Amino acid sequence: MHTIGQEITNQQIVALDIQHTPVFRTWYLVTPNKREASTAAEAFLQFMLEKAGGGY
């Protein structure tokens, strides 16, 4: 929620309290294999793998 904290504080958006959340789904990360990923893309990939587990 830190990315939208200011908007919630300013009441520009609201957080909904919905039963049966979060919804867990399978996610796939697709990367081009003919070019090296940027530093930001690699950091994002590592973050996702640490949070969700798995490998590539």
PDB file of N, CA and C in Angstrom:
ATOM      1  N   MET A   1       0.815  -1.189   0.000  1.00  0.00           N
ATOM      2  CA  MET A   1       0.000   0.000   0.000  1.00  0.00           C
ATOM      3  C   MET A   1       0.867   1.265   0.000  1.00  0.00           C
ATOM      4  N   HIS A   2       2.187   1.117   0.176  1.00  0.00           N
ATOM      5  CA  HIS A   2       3.018   2.311   0.255  1.00  0.00           C
ATOM      6  C   HIS A   2       3.017   3.119  -1.033  1.00  0.00           C
ATOM      7  N   THR A   3       2.735   2.493  -2.163  1.00  0.00           N
ATOM      8  CA  THR A   3       2.736   3.223  -3.427  1.00  0.00           C
ATOM      9  C   THR A   3       1.508   4.101  -3.603  1.00  0.00           C
ATOM     10  N   ILE A   4       0.466   3.852  -2.826  1.00  0.00           N
ATOM     11  CA  ILE A   4      -0.763   4.650  -2.942  1.00  0.00           C
ATOM     12  C   ILE A   4      -1.141   5.315  -1.624  1.00  0.00           C
ATOM     13  N   GLY A   5      -0.205   5.339  -0.686  1.00  0.00           N
ATOM     14  CA  GLY A   5      -0.470   5.890   0.642  1.00  0.00           C
ATOM     15  C   GLY A   5      -0.941   7.332   0.628  1.00  0.00           C
ATOM     16  N   GLN A   6      -0.309   8.167  -0.183  1.00  0.00           N
ATOM     17  CA  GLN A   6      -0.687   9.580  -0.242  1.00  0.00           C
ATOM     18  C   GLN A   6      -2.097   9.745  -0.803  1.00  0.00           C
ATOM     19  N   GLU A   7      -2.439   8.971  -1.806  1.00  0.00           N
ATOM     20  CA  GLU A   7      -3.780   9.055  -2.392  1.00  0.00           C
ATOM     21  C   GLU A   7      -4.851   8.618  -1.391  1.00  0.00           C
ATOM     22  N   ILE A   8      -4.535   7.603  -0.583  1.00  0.00           N
ATOM     23  CA  ILE A   8      -5.477   7.181   0.454  1.00  0.00           C
ATOM     24  C   ILE A   8      -5.612   8.271   1.509  1.00  0.00           C
ATOM     25  N   THR A   9      -4.495   8.853   1.936  1.00  0.00           N
ATOM     26  CA  THR A   9      -4.524   9.933   2.927  1.00  0.00           C
ATOM     27  C   THR A   9      -5.343  11.110   2.430  1.00  0.00           C
ATOM     28  N   ASN A  10      -5.195  11.461   1.160  1.00  0.00           N
ATOM     29  CA  ASN A  10      -5.928  12.591   0.571  1.00  0.00           C
ATOM     30  C   ASN A  10      -7.346  12.222   0.149  1.00  0.00           C
ATOM     31  N   GLN A  11      -7.740  10.976   0.395  1.00  0.00           N
ATOM     32  CA  GLN A  11      -9.062  10.461   0.049  1.00  0.00           C
ATOM     33  C   GLN A  11      -9.366  10.556  -1.449  1.00  0.00           C
ATOM     34  N   GLN A  12      -8.306  10.428  -2.263  1.00  0.00           N
ATOM     35  CA  GLN A  12      -8.485  10.371  -3.707  1.00  0.00           C
ATOM     36  C   GLN A  12      -8.915   8.976  -4.130  1.00  0.00           C
ATOM     37  N   ILE A  13      -8.493   7.983  -3.355  1.00  0.00           N
ATOM     38  CA  ILE A  13      -8.920   6.602  -3.547  1.00  0.00           C
ATOM     39  C   ILE A  13      -9.141   5.993  -2.170  1.00  0.00           C
ATOM     40  N   VAL A  14      -9.840   4.875  -2.130  1.00  0.00           N
ATOM     41  CA  VAL A  14     -10.065   4.181  -0.862  1.00  0.00           C
ATOM     42  C   VAL A  14      -9.644   2.725  -1.007  1.00  0.00           C
ATOM     43  N   ALA A  15      -9.244   2.129   0.102  1.00  0.00           N
ATOM     44  CA  ALA A  15      -8.937   0.704   0.131  1.00  0.00           C
ATOM     45  C   ALA A  15     -10.210  -0.031   0.510  1.00  0.00           C
ATOM     46  N   LEU A  16     -10.590  -0.995  -0.293  1.00  0.00           N
ATOM     47  CA  LEU A  16     -11.801  -1.766  -0.041  1.00  0.00           C
ATOM     48  C   LEU A  16     -11.477  -2.977   0.826  1.00  0.00           C
ATOM     49  N   ASP A  17     -12.333  -3.240   1.804  1.00  0.00           N
ATOM     50  CA  ASP A  17     -12.195  -4.420   2.647  1.00  0.00           C
ATOM     51  C   ASP A  17     -13.095  -5.501   2.065  1.00  0.00           C
ATOM     52  N   ILE A  18     -12.511  -6.391   1.292  1.00  0.00           N
ATOM     53  CA  ILE A  18     -13.270  -7.406   0.569  1.00  0.00           C
ATOM     54  C   ILE A  18     -12.941  -8.777   1.149  1.00  0.00           C
ATOM     55  N   GLN A  19     -13.977  -9.567   1.392  1.00  0.00           N
ATOM     56  CA  GLN A  19     -13.772 -10.913   1.922  1.00  0.00           C
ATOM     57  C   GLN A  19     -13.084 -11.790   0.877  1.00  0.00           C
ATOM     58  N   HIS A  20     -12.386 -12.779   1.378  1.00  0.00           N
ATOM     59  CA  HIS A  20     -11.722 -13.798   0.551  1.00  0.00           C
ATOM     60  C   HIS A  20     -10.614 -13.210  -0.326  1.00  0.00           C
ATOM     61  N   THR A  21      -9.916 -12.213   0.195  1.00  0.00           N
ATOM     62  CA  THR A  21      -8.773 -11.677  -0.529  1.00  0.00           C
ATOM     63  C   THR A  21      -7.542 -11.804   0.350  1.00  0.00           C
ATOM     64  N   PRO A  22      -6.366 -11.821  -0.144  1.00  0.00           N
ATOM     65  CA  PRO A  22      -6.055 -11.667  -1.557  1.00  0.00           C
ATOM     66  C   PRO A  22      -6.355 -12.942  -2.344  1.00  0.00           C
ATOM     67  N   VAL A  23      -6.525 -12.759  -3.624  1.00  0.00           N
ATOM     68  CA  VAL A  23      -6.742 -13.888  -4.521  1.00  0.00           C
ATOM     69  C   VAL A  23      -5.365 -14.363  -4.987  1.00  0.00           C
ATOM     70  N   PHE A  24      -5.082 -15.615  -4.759  1.00  0.00           N
ATOM     71  CA  PHE A  24      -3.791 -16.161  -5.162  1.00  0.00           C
ATOM     72  C   PHE A  24      -3.915 -16.774  -6.545  1.00  0.00           C
ATOM     73  N   ARG A  25      -3.022 -16.385  -7.430  1.00  0.00           N
ATOM     74  CA  ARG A  25      -3.028 -16.868  -8.808  1.00  0.00           C
ATOM     75  C   ARG A  25      -1.610 -17.241  -9.226  1.00  0.00           C
ATOM     76  N   THR A  26      -1.536 -17.957 -10.312  1.00  0.00           N
ATOM     77  CA  THR A  26      -0.246 -18.278 -10.906  1.00  0.00           C
ATOM     78  C   THR A  26       0.165 -17.117 -11.804  1.00  0.00           C
ATOM     79  N   TRP A  27       1.395 -16.666 -11.644  1.00  0.00           N
ATOM     80  CA  TRP A  27       1.925 -15.574 -12.460  1.00  0.00           C
ATOM     81  C   TRP A  27       3.065 -16.110 -13.311  1.00  0.00           C
ATOM     82  N   TYR A  28       3.198 -15.555 -14.483  1.00  0.00           N
ATOM     83  CA  TYR A  28       4.291 -15.913 -15.383  1.00  0.00           C
ATOM     84  C   TYR A  28       5.056 -14.646 -15.742  1.00  0.00           C
ATOM     85  N   LEU A  29       6.364 -14.726 -15.717  1.00  0.00           N
ATOM     86  CA  LEU A  29       7.210 -13.623 -16.157  1.00  0.00           C
ATOM     87  C   LEU A  29       7.835 -14.032 -17.477  1.00  0.00           C
ATOM     88  N   VAL A  30       7.665 -13.204 -18.473  1.00  0.00           N
ATOM     89  CA  VAL A  30       8.190 -13.489 -19.804  1.00  0.00           C
ATOM     90  C   VAL A  30       9.283 -12.479 -20.106  1.00  0.00           C
ATOM     91  N   THR A  31      10.429 -12.985 -20.511  1.00  0.00           N
ATOM     92  CA  THR A  31      11.541 -12.102 -20.839  1.00  0.00           C
ATOM     93  C   THR A  31      12.112 -12.496 -22.198  1.00  0.00           C
ATOM     94  N   PRO A  32      12.617 -11.522 -22.949  1.00  0.00           N
ATOM     95  CA  PRO A  32      13.233 -11.857 -24.233  1.00  0.00           C
ATOM     96  C   PRO A  32      14.542 -12.607 -23.986  1.00  0.00           C
ATOM     97  N   ASN A  33      14.804 -13.632 -24.780  1.00  0.00           N
ATOM     98  CA  ASN A  33      16.018 -14.414 -24.558  1.00  0.00           C
ATOM     99  C   ASN A  33      17.185 -13.971 -25.433  1.00  0.00           C
ATOM    100  N   LYS A  34      16.964 -13.035 -26.338  1.00  0.00           N
ATOM    101  CA  LYS A  34      18.043 -12.597 -27.228  1.00  0.00           C
ATOM    102  C   LYS A  34      18.675 -11.289 -26.776  1.00  0.00           C
ATOM    103  N   ARG A  35      18.226 -10.784 -25.638  1.00  0.00           N
ATOM    104  CA  ARG A  35      18.852  -9.551 -25.173  1.00  0.00           C
ATOM    105  C   ARG A  35      18.945  -9.594 -23.661  1.00  0.00           C
ATOM    106  N   GLU A  36      19.974  -8.950 -23.146  1.00  0.00           N
ATOM    107  CA  GLU A  36      20.202  -8.942 -21.713  1.00  0.00           C
ATOM    108  C   GLU A  36      19.207  -8.011 -21.032  1.00  0.00           C
ATOM    109  N   ALA A  37      18.718  -8.430 -19.884  1.00  0.00           N
ATOM    110  CA  ALA A  37      17.759  -7.614 -19.138  1.00  0.00           C
ATOM    111  C   ALA A  37      18.470  -6.425 -18.501  1.00  0.00           C
ATOM    112  N   SER A  38      17.739  -5.321 -18.367  1.00  0.00           N
ATOM    113  CA  SER A  38      18.294  -4.146 -17.700  1.00  0.00           C
ATOM    114  C   SER A  38      18.472  -4.444 -16.214  1.00  0.00           C
ATOM    115  N   THR A  39      19.216  -3.603 -15.540  1.00  0.00           N
ATOM    116  CA  THR A  39      19.406  -3.758 -14.102  1.00  0.00           C
ATOM    117  C   THR A  39      18.071  -3.702 -13.375  1.00  0.00           C
ATOM    118  N   ALA A  40      17.198  -2.788 -13.790  1.00  0.00           N
ATOM    119  CA  ALA A  40      15.876  -2.664 -13.165  1.00  0.00           C
ATOM    120  C   ALA A  40      15.041  -3.922 -13.396  1.00  0.00           C
ATOM    121  N   ALA A  41      15.091  -4.461 -14.617  1.00  0.00           N
ATOM    122  CA  ALA A  41      14.334  -5.673 -14.925  1.00  0.00           C
ATOM    123  C   ALA A  41      14.852  -6.859 -14.116  1.00  0.00           C
ATOM    124  N   GLU A  42      16.161  -6.976 -13.982  1.00  0.00           N
ATOM    125  CA  GLU A  42      16.746  -8.052 -13.177  1.00  0.00           C
ATOM    126  C   GLU A  42      16.345  -7.918 -11.713  1.00  0.00           C
ATOM    127  N   ALA A  43      16.355  -6.691 -11.197  1.00  0.00           N
ATOM    128  CA  ALA A  43      15.956  -6.462  -9.805  1.00  0.00           C
ATOM    129  C   ALA A  43      14.496  -6.844  -9.597  1.00  0.00           C
ATOM    130  N   PHE A  44      13.643  -6.489 -10.553  1.00  0.00           N
ATOM    131  CA  PHE A  44      12.228  -6.844 -10.462  1.00  0.00           C
ATOM    132  C   PHE A  44      12.051  -8.356 -10.503  1.00  0.00           C
ATOM    133  N   LEU A  45      12.742  -9.018 -11.392  1.00  0.00           N
ATOM    134  CA  LEU A  45      12.666 -10.469 -11.501  1.00  0.00           C
ATOM    135  C   LEU A  45      13.101 -11.125 -10.190  1.00  0.00           C
ATOM    136  N   GLN A  46      14.200 -10.670  -9.629  1.00  0.00           N
ATOM    137  CA  GLN A  46      14.673 -11.226  -8.361  1.00  0.00           C
ATOM    138  C   GLN A  46      13.669 -10.983  -7.240  1.00  0.00           C
ATOM    139  N   PHE A  47      13.086  -9.799  -7.199  1.00  0.00           N
ATOM    140  CA  PHE A  47      12.067  -9.477  -6.202  1.00  0.00           C
ATOM    141  C   PHE A  47      10.888 -10.438  -6.321  1.00  0.00           C
ATOM    142  N   MET A  48      10.410 -10.649  -7.537  1.00  0.00           N
ATOM    143  CA  MET A  48       9.267 -11.536  -7.752  1.00  0.00           C
ATOM    144  C   MET A  48       9.603 -12.971  -7.350  1.00  0.00           C
ATOM    145  N   LEU A  49      10.786 -13.426  -7.695  1.00  0.00           N
ATOM    146  CA  LEU A  49      11.183 -14.787  -7.347  1.00  0.00           C
ATOM    147  C   LEU A  49      11.312 -14.962  -5.837  1.00  0.00           C
ATOM    148  N   GLU A  50      11.827 -13.943  -5.148  1.00  0.00           N
ATOM    149  CA  GLU A  50      11.948 -14.015  -3.692  1.00  0.00           C
ATOM    150  C   GLU A  50      10.583 -14.032  -3.020  1.00  0.00           C
ATOM    151  N   LYS A  51       9.656 -13.241  -3.525  1.00  0.00           N
ATOM    152  CA  LYS A  51       8.331 -13.145  -2.910  1.00  0.00           C
ATOM    153  C   LYS A  51       7.458 -14.348  -3.232  1.00  0.00           C
ATOM    154  N   ALA A  52       7.565 -14.861  -4.439  1.00  0.00           N
ATOM    155  CA  ALA A  52       6.649 -15.916  -4.877  1.00  0.00           C
ATOM    156  C   ALA A  52       7.299 -17.292  -4.930  1.00  0.00           C
ATOM    157  N   GLY A  53       8.609 -17.333  -4.974  1.00  0.00           N
ATOM    158  CA  GLY A  53       9.282 -18.616  -5.133  1.00  0.00           C
ATOM    159  C   GLY A  53       9.326 -19.012  -6.597  1.00  0.00           C
ATOM    160  N   GLY A  54       9.926 -20.119  -6.868  1.00  0.00           N
ATOM    161  CA  GLY A  54       9.990 -20.586  -8.246  1.00  0.00           C
ATOM    162  C   GLY A  54      11.351 -20.344  -8.854  1.00  0.00           C
ATOM    163  N   GLY A  55      11.436 -20.540 -10.111  1.00  0.00           N
ATOM    164  CA  GLY A  55      12.684 -20.341 -10.824  1.00  0.00           C
ATOM    165  C   GLY A  55      12.422 -20.132 -12.289  1.00  0.00           C
ATOM    166  N   TYR A  56      13.468 -19.927 -13.028  1.00  0.00           N
ATOM    167  CA  TYR A  56      13.292 -19.753 -14.470  1.00  0.00           C
ATOM    168  C   TYR A  56      14.314 -20.471 -15.252  1.00  0.00           C
TER     169      TYR A  56
END
